[in-house]
């Protein structure tokens, strides 16, 4: 029943270069960058395929989460915890890169914003459930 979500095919294993303790202690980043040359870069096509595999894996995770009755309950509990001030909204929400949550606005608009976000999340869970049921 267990499956690897991110791996569709096994990676070819290649021997790792050895690093002395002195090298590792004196400049781990330098050693890391030096050793990068031993591994080929991904081609454009490989990067695209890897991104697609990651997107498919994320979609599978969301679909599986949507089947858990506990998911909606956890969302509602998280919303209540943020609204009551037990936890900051930044611990609950994933924010895209470059977006910042203003702590001052959390106090005033946090609960309304969270309510909208939670209802959006619940709607998305329902959409995913419906998609899975149609298949």
N, C-alpha and C. Protein backbone atom coordinates (compact mmCIF):
# COMPACT_ATOMS: atom_id res chain seq x y z
N UNK A 1 0.82 -1.19 0.00
CA UNK A 1 0.00 0.00 0.00
C UNK A 1 0.86 1.26 0.00
N UNK A 2 2.02 1.17 0.61
CA UNK A 2 2.90 2.32 0.66
C UNK A 2 3.54 2.51 -0.70
N UNK A 3 3.56 3.77 -1.15
CA UNK A 3 4.23 4.05 -2.42
C UNK A 3 5.05 5.31 -2.28
N UNK A 4 6.10 5.38 -3.04
CA UNK A 4 6.91 6.58 -3.04
C UNK A 4 6.21 7.63 -3.86
N UNK A 5 5.96 8.78 -3.27
CA UNK A 5 5.21 9.81 -3.97
C UNK A 5 6.05 10.58 -4.96
N UNK A 6 7.33 10.75 -4.67
CA UNK A 6 8.13 11.61 -5.52
C UNK A 6 9.02 10.85 -6.49
N UNK A 7 9.11 9.57 -6.32
CA UNK A 7 9.99 8.80 -7.18
C UNK A 7 9.17 7.86 -8.04
N UNK A 8 9.27 8.03 -9.34
CA UNK A 8 8.59 7.12 -10.25
C UNK A 8 9.56 6.09 -10.81
N UNK A 9 10.84 6.41 -10.77
CA UNK A 9 11.84 5.45 -11.21
C UNK A 9 13.05 5.60 -10.30
N UNK A 10 13.74 4.51 -10.03
CA UNK A 10 14.89 4.61 -9.13
C UNK A 10 16.01 5.43 -9.75
N UNK A 11 16.71 6.15 -8.91
CA UNK A 11 17.85 6.93 -9.37
C UNK A 11 19.05 6.01 -9.54
N UNK A 12 19.85 6.34 -10.52
CA UNK A 12 21.08 5.59 -10.68
C UNK A 12 22.03 6.04 -9.57
N UNK A 13 22.60 5.08 -8.89
CA UNK A 13 23.50 5.43 -7.81
C UNK A 13 24.91 5.53 -8.35
N UNK A 14 25.59 6.60 -7.95
CA UNK A 14 26.98 6.75 -8.32
C UNK A 14 27.77 6.92 -7.04
N UNK A 15 29.02 6.50 -7.04
CA UNK A 15 29.81 6.60 -5.81
C UNK A 15 30.00 8.05 -5.41
N UNK A 16 29.90 8.31 -4.11
CA UNK A 16 30.10 9.65 -3.61
C UNK A 16 31.58 9.91 -3.40
N UNK A 17 32.04 11.11 -3.76
CA UNK A 17 33.45 11.41 -3.52
C UNK A 17 33.71 11.48 -2.01
N UNK A 18 34.90 11.08 -1.61
CA UNK A 18 35.22 11.12 -0.18
C UNK A 18 35.79 12.49 0.16
N UNK A 19 35.50 12.92 1.39
CA UNK A 19 35.96 14.22 1.87
C UNK A 19 36.64 13.99 3.20
N UNK A 20 37.83 14.54 3.34
CA UNK A 20 38.53 14.38 4.62
C UNK A 20 37.87 15.26 5.67
N UNK A 21 38.07 14.93 6.93
CA UNK A 21 37.51 15.73 8.02
C UNK A 21 38.05 17.15 7.98
N UNK A 22 39.31 17.31 7.60
CA UNK A 22 39.90 18.65 7.53
C UNK A 22 39.21 19.48 6.46
N UNK A 23 38.93 18.86 5.31
CA UNK A 23 38.24 19.58 4.23
C UNK A 23 36.83 19.97 4.66
N UNK A 24 36.12 19.04 5.25
CA UNK A 24 34.74 19.29 5.64
C UNK A 24 34.67 20.37 6.71
N UNK A 25 35.60 20.36 7.65
CA UNK A 25 35.57 21.34 8.73
C UNK A 25 36.00 22.72 8.29
N UNK A 26 36.86 22.81 7.29
CA UNK A 26 37.38 24.11 6.90
C UNK A 26 36.53 24.84 5.88
N UNK A 27 35.61 24.19 5.27
CA UNK A 27 34.79 24.88 4.28
C UNK A 27 33.80 23.95 3.63
N UNK A 28 32.79 23.57 4.38
CA UNK A 28 31.79 22.64 3.87
C UNK A 28 31.16 23.11 2.57
N UNK A 29 30.90 24.42 2.48
CA UNK A 29 30.29 24.95 1.26
C UNK A 29 31.25 24.82 0.09
N UNK A 30 32.53 25.07 0.34
CA UNK A 30 33.52 24.96 -0.73
C UNK A 30 33.60 23.52 -1.22
N UNK A 31 33.60 22.58 -0.29
CA UNK A 31 33.65 21.16 -0.65
C UNK A 31 32.41 20.79 -1.45
N UNK A 32 31.26 21.27 -0.98
CA UNK A 32 30.00 20.99 -1.68
C UNK A 32 30.05 21.51 -3.12
N UNK A 33 30.47 22.75 -3.29
CA UNK A 33 30.53 23.34 -4.63
C UNK A 33 31.56 22.62 -5.50
N UNK A 34 32.68 22.24 -4.91
CA UNK A 34 33.69 21.52 -5.67
C UNK A 34 33.16 20.17 -6.14
N UNK A 35 32.43 19.50 -5.25
CA UNK A 35 31.92 18.17 -5.58
C UNK A 35 30.76 18.20 -6.57
N UNK A 36 30.11 19.34 -6.72
CA UNK A 36 29.01 19.44 -7.67
C UNK A 36 29.43 19.10 -9.09
N UNK A 37 30.67 19.39 -9.40
CA UNK A 37 31.14 19.14 -10.77
C UNK A 37 31.16 17.66 -11.12
N UNK A 38 31.07 16.79 -10.12
CA UNK A 38 31.08 15.35 -10.36
C UNK A 38 29.71 14.84 -10.81
N UNK A 39 28.70 15.68 -10.75
CA UNK A 39 27.34 15.25 -11.08
C UNK A 39 26.82 16.08 -12.25
N UNK A 40 26.25 15.43 -13.24
CA UNK A 40 25.76 16.17 -14.40
C UNK A 40 24.55 17.03 -14.04
N UNK A 41 24.45 18.17 -14.70
CA UNK A 41 23.28 19.03 -14.52
C UNK A 41 22.10 18.43 -15.26
N UNK A 42 20.90 18.78 -14.83
CA UNK A 42 19.71 18.33 -15.54
C UNK A 42 19.57 19.11 -16.84
N UNK A 43 19.08 18.45 -17.85
CA UNK A 43 18.76 19.15 -19.09
C UNK A 43 17.44 19.89 -18.88
N UNK A 44 17.09 20.75 -19.81
CA UNK A 44 15.83 21.47 -19.73
C UNK A 44 14.66 20.49 -19.64
N UNK A 45 14.70 19.46 -20.48
CA UNK A 45 13.63 18.46 -20.50
C UNK A 45 13.55 17.71 -19.18
N UNK A 46 14.71 17.38 -18.60
CA UNK A 46 14.72 16.68 -17.32
C UNK A 46 14.15 17.55 -16.20
N UNK A 47 14.48 18.85 -16.23
CA UNK A 47 13.93 19.77 -15.23
C UNK A 47 12.42 19.85 -15.36
N UNK A 48 11.93 19.94 -16.59
CA UNK A 48 10.48 20.01 -16.82
C UNK A 48 9.81 18.73 -16.33
N UNK A 49 10.39 17.59 -16.66
CA UNK A 49 9.83 16.31 -16.22
C UNK A 49 9.83 16.21 -14.70
N UNK A 50 10.90 16.65 -14.07
CA UNK A 50 10.97 16.62 -12.61
C UNK A 50 9.89 17.52 -12.00
N UNK A 51 9.70 18.70 -12.57
CA UNK A 51 8.66 19.60 -12.07
C UNK A 51 7.28 18.97 -12.23
N UNK A 52 7.05 18.32 -13.35
CA UNK A 52 5.75 17.65 -13.57
C UNK A 52 5.54 16.52 -12.57
N UNK A 53 6.58 15.75 -12.32
CA UNK A 53 6.47 14.66 -11.34
C UNK A 53 6.15 15.21 -9.96
N UNK A 54 6.78 16.32 -9.61
CA UNK A 54 6.51 16.94 -8.31
C UNK A 54 5.07 17.44 -8.24
N UNK A 55 4.58 18.04 -9.31
CA UNK A 55 3.19 18.51 -9.34
C UNK A 55 2.22 17.35 -9.21
N UNK A 56 2.50 16.25 -9.92
CA UNK A 56 1.62 15.07 -9.82
C UNK A 56 1.64 14.51 -8.40
N UNK A 57 2.82 14.47 -7.80
CA UNK A 57 2.92 13.96 -6.43
C UNK A 57 2.14 14.84 -5.47
N UNK A 58 2.26 16.15 -5.62
CA UNK A 58 1.51 17.07 -4.76
C UNK A 58 0.01 16.89 -4.95
N UNK A 59 -0.42 16.69 -6.19
CA UNK A 59 -1.85 16.47 -6.45
C UNK A 59 -2.32 15.18 -5.79
N UNK A 60 -1.48 14.12 -5.84
CA UNK A 60 -1.85 12.86 -5.18
C UNK A 60 -1.97 13.05 -3.67
N UNK A 61 -1.06 13.81 -3.11
CA UNK A 61 -1.11 14.07 -1.67
C UNK A 61 -2.40 14.80 -1.32
N UNK A 62 -2.74 15.84 -2.09
CA UNK A 62 -3.97 16.58 -1.82
C UNK A 62 -5.20 15.70 -1.97
N UNK A 63 -5.20 14.84 -2.99
CA UNK A 63 -6.35 13.94 -3.17
C UNK A 63 -6.50 13.00 -1.98
N UNK A 64 -5.39 12.48 -1.52
CA UNK A 64 -5.46 11.56 -0.37
C UNK A 64 -5.89 12.29 0.89
N UNK A 65 -5.39 13.50 1.07
CA UNK A 65 -5.82 14.27 2.23
C UNK A 65 -7.30 14.58 2.18
N UNK A 66 -7.81 14.78 0.97
CA UNK A 66 -9.23 15.12 0.84
C UNK A 66 -10.12 13.97 1.27
N UNK A 67 -9.60 12.75 1.28
CA UNK A 67 -10.38 11.59 1.70
C UNK A 67 -10.45 11.45 3.22
N UNK A 68 -9.63 12.19 3.91
CA UNK A 68 -9.61 12.09 5.36
C UNK A 68 -10.66 13.02 5.95
N UNK A 69 -11.59 12.47 6.69
CA UNK A 69 -12.58 13.30 7.35
C UNK A 69 -11.93 14.23 8.35
N UNK A 70 -10.77 13.84 8.80
CA UNK A 70 -10.05 14.62 9.79
C UNK A 70 -9.54 15.95 9.21
N UNK A 71 -9.34 16.02 7.91
CA UNK A 71 -8.77 17.21 7.29
C UNK A 71 -9.62 18.44 7.57
N UNK A 72 -10.92 18.36 7.34
CA UNK A 72 -11.78 19.51 7.58
C UNK A 72 -11.77 19.90 9.05
N UNK A 73 -11.79 18.90 9.91
CA UNK A 73 -11.77 19.17 11.35
C UNK A 73 -10.49 19.90 11.75
N UNK A 74 -9.36 19.45 11.20
CA UNK A 74 -8.08 20.10 11.51
C UNK A 74 -8.05 21.54 11.00
N UNK A 75 -8.62 21.78 9.82
CA UNK A 75 -8.68 23.14 9.30
C UNK A 75 -9.49 24.04 10.23
N UNK A 76 -10.60 23.53 10.70
CA UNK A 76 -11.45 24.32 11.58
C UNK A 76 -10.75 24.58 12.92
N UNK A 77 -10.06 23.59 13.45
CA UNK A 77 -9.31 23.77 14.70
C UNK A 77 -8.20 24.79 14.52
N UNK A 78 -7.52 24.73 13.39
CA UNK A 78 -6.45 25.70 13.13
C UNK A 78 -7.03 27.10 13.05
N UNK A 79 -8.17 27.23 12.40
CA UNK A 79 -8.82 28.54 12.31
C UNK A 79 -9.19 29.08 13.67
N UNK A 80 -9.72 28.23 14.53
CA UNK A 80 -10.09 28.66 15.88
C UNK A 80 -8.85 29.06 16.68
N UNK A 81 -7.76 28.31 16.52
CA UNK A 81 -6.53 28.62 17.25
C UNK A 81 -5.96 29.96 16.83
N UNK A 82 -6.01 30.26 15.54
CA UNK A 82 -5.52 31.55 15.05
C UNK A 82 -6.44 32.66 15.52
N UNK A 83 -7.74 32.45 15.41
CA UNK A 83 -8.71 33.48 15.82
C UNK A 83 -8.58 33.81 17.31
N UNK A 84 -8.27 32.81 18.12
CA UNK A 84 -8.14 33.04 19.56
C UNK A 84 -6.75 33.56 19.95
N UNK A 85 -5.83 33.59 18.99
CA UNK A 85 -4.49 34.10 19.27
C UNK A 85 -3.53 33.06 19.82
N UNK A 86 -3.93 31.80 19.84
CA UNK A 86 -3.05 30.75 20.35
C UNK A 86 -1.83 30.55 19.46
N UNK A 87 -2.03 30.66 18.15
CA UNK A 87 -0.92 30.52 17.21
C UNK A 87 -1.03 31.62 16.16
N UNK A 88 0.11 32.08 15.63
CA UNK A 88 0.05 33.10 14.58
C UNK A 88 -0.40 32.49 13.25
N UNK A 89 -1.03 33.30 12.45
CA UNK A 89 -1.53 32.84 11.15
C UNK A 89 -0.40 32.33 10.27
N UNK A 90 0.80 32.89 10.46
CA UNK A 90 1.95 32.48 9.64
C UNK A 90 2.35 31.02 9.88
N UNK A 91 1.93 30.43 11.00
CA UNK A 91 2.23 29.01 11.25
C UNK A 91 1.24 28.09 10.57
N UNK A 92 0.12 28.64 10.11
CA UNK A 92 -0.93 27.82 9.51
C UNK A 92 -0.91 27.90 8.00
N UNK A 93 -0.61 29.07 7.47
CA UNK A 93 -0.71 29.30 6.04
C UNK A 93 0.62 29.12 5.35
N UNK A 94 0.57 28.51 4.18
CA UNK A 94 1.73 28.48 3.31
C UNK A 94 1.60 29.72 2.44
N UNK A 95 2.64 30.51 2.41
CA UNK A 95 2.61 31.76 1.66
C UNK A 95 3.62 31.65 0.53
N UNK A 96 3.21 32.06 -0.67
CA UNK A 96 4.12 31.97 -1.80
C UNK A 96 5.31 32.88 -1.58
N UNK A 97 6.40 32.53 -2.21
CA UNK A 97 7.65 33.26 -2.04
C UNK A 97 7.47 34.73 -2.38
N UNK A 98 8.04 35.59 -1.57
CA UNK A 98 7.94 37.02 -1.81
C UNK A 98 6.75 37.67 -1.13
N UNK A 99 5.83 36.89 -0.59
CA UNK A 99 4.67 37.43 0.10
C UNK A 99 4.95 37.38 1.59
N UNK A 100 4.63 38.45 2.28
CA UNK A 100 4.85 38.47 3.71
C UNK A 100 3.54 38.72 4.42
N UNK A 101 3.38 38.11 5.59
CA UNK A 101 2.21 38.36 6.42
C UNK A 101 2.58 39.44 7.42
N UNK A 102 1.85 40.52 7.42
CA UNK A 102 2.10 41.63 8.32
C UNK A 102 1.53 41.31 9.69
N UNK A 103 2.35 41.24 10.74
CA UNK A 103 1.84 40.89 12.06
C UNK A 103 0.80 41.87 12.57
N UNK A 104 0.89 43.14 12.20
CA UNK A 104 -0.10 44.12 12.65
C UNK A 104 -1.47 43.84 12.06
N UNK A 105 -1.49 43.39 10.82
CA UNK A 105 -2.78 43.12 10.21
C UNK A 105 -3.39 41.83 10.72
N UNK A 106 -2.58 40.95 11.30
CA UNK A 106 -3.11 39.70 11.85
C UNK A 106 -4.12 39.97 12.95
N UNK A 107 -3.83 40.94 13.77
CA UNK A 107 -4.72 41.21 14.90
C UNK A 107 -6.07 41.73 14.45
N UNK A 108 -6.09 42.54 13.40
CA UNK A 108 -7.35 43.14 12.98
C UNK A 108 -8.09 42.33 11.93
N UNK A 109 -7.37 41.85 10.93
CA UNK A 109 -8.05 41.18 9.82
C UNK A 109 -7.79 39.68 9.79
N UNK A 110 -7.02 39.17 10.73
CA UNK A 110 -6.63 37.77 10.70
C UNK A 110 -7.79 36.80 10.70
N UNK A 111 -8.76 37.01 11.59
CA UNK A 111 -9.84 36.02 11.68
C UNK A 111 -10.73 36.04 10.45
N UNK A 112 -11.00 37.24 9.90
CA UNK A 112 -11.84 37.30 8.69
C UNK A 112 -11.10 36.70 7.51
N UNK A 113 -9.83 37.03 7.40
CA UNK A 113 -9.03 36.49 6.31
C UNK A 113 -8.92 34.97 6.43
N UNK A 114 -8.69 34.51 7.65
CA UNK A 114 -8.58 33.08 7.86
C UNK A 114 -9.89 32.38 7.54
N UNK A 115 -10.99 33.00 7.90
CA UNK A 115 -12.29 32.41 7.60
C UNK A 115 -12.46 32.21 6.10
N UNK A 116 -12.07 33.22 5.34
CA UNK A 116 -12.15 33.12 3.87
C UNK A 116 -11.21 32.04 3.37
N UNK A 117 -9.99 32.02 3.89
CA UNK A 117 -9.01 31.02 3.46
C UNK A 117 -9.45 29.61 3.82
N UNK A 118 -10.01 29.45 5.01
CA UNK A 118 -10.48 28.12 5.41
C UNK A 118 -11.64 27.67 4.54
N UNK A 119 -12.56 28.58 4.25
CA UNK A 119 -13.69 28.17 3.40
C UNK A 119 -13.19 27.83 2.00
N UNK A 120 -12.18 28.55 1.53
CA UNK A 120 -11.58 28.23 0.23
C UNK A 120 -10.93 26.85 0.28
N UNK A 121 -10.22 26.57 1.36
CA UNK A 121 -9.56 25.26 1.50
C UNK A 121 -10.59 24.14 1.55
N UNK A 122 -11.66 24.35 2.30
CA UNK A 122 -12.70 23.32 2.40
C UNK A 122 -13.35 23.12 1.04
N UNK A 123 -13.59 24.21 0.30
CA UNK A 123 -14.16 24.10 -1.04
C UNK A 123 -13.23 23.32 -1.96
N UNK A 124 -11.94 23.59 -1.85
CA UNK A 124 -10.96 22.89 -2.68
C UNK A 124 -10.93 21.40 -2.34
N UNK A 125 -11.04 21.10 -1.07
CA UNK A 125 -11.08 19.69 -0.65
C UNK A 125 -12.30 19.01 -1.26
N UNK A 126 -13.43 19.69 -1.23
CA UNK A 126 -14.65 19.13 -1.83
C UNK A 126 -14.48 18.92 -3.33
N UNK A 127 -13.86 19.89 -4.01
CA UNK A 127 -13.61 19.76 -5.45
C UNK A 127 -12.76 18.52 -5.73
N UNK A 128 -11.70 18.36 -4.95
CA UNK A 128 -10.82 17.21 -5.14
C UNK A 128 -11.57 15.91 -4.89
N UNK A 129 -12.40 15.89 -3.87
CA UNK A 129 -13.20 14.70 -3.58
C UNK A 129 -14.09 14.36 -4.77
N UNK A 130 -14.75 15.38 -5.32
CA UNK A 130 -15.63 15.16 -6.47
C UNK A 130 -14.86 14.66 -7.68
N UNK A 131 -13.67 15.23 -7.92
CA UNK A 131 -12.85 14.78 -9.04
C UNK A 131 -12.46 13.32 -8.89
N UNK A 132 -12.08 12.94 -7.69
CA UNK A 132 -11.67 11.56 -7.44
C UNK A 132 -12.85 10.62 -7.61
N UNK A 133 -14.02 11.02 -7.13
CA UNK A 133 -15.21 10.17 -7.25
C UNK A 133 -15.62 9.98 -8.71
N UNK A 134 -15.40 11.00 -9.55
CA UNK A 134 -15.75 10.89 -10.97
C UNK A 134 -14.83 9.92 -11.70
N UNK A 135 -13.65 9.68 -11.19
CA UNK A 135 -12.68 8.81 -11.88
C UNK A 135 -12.92 7.39 -11.62
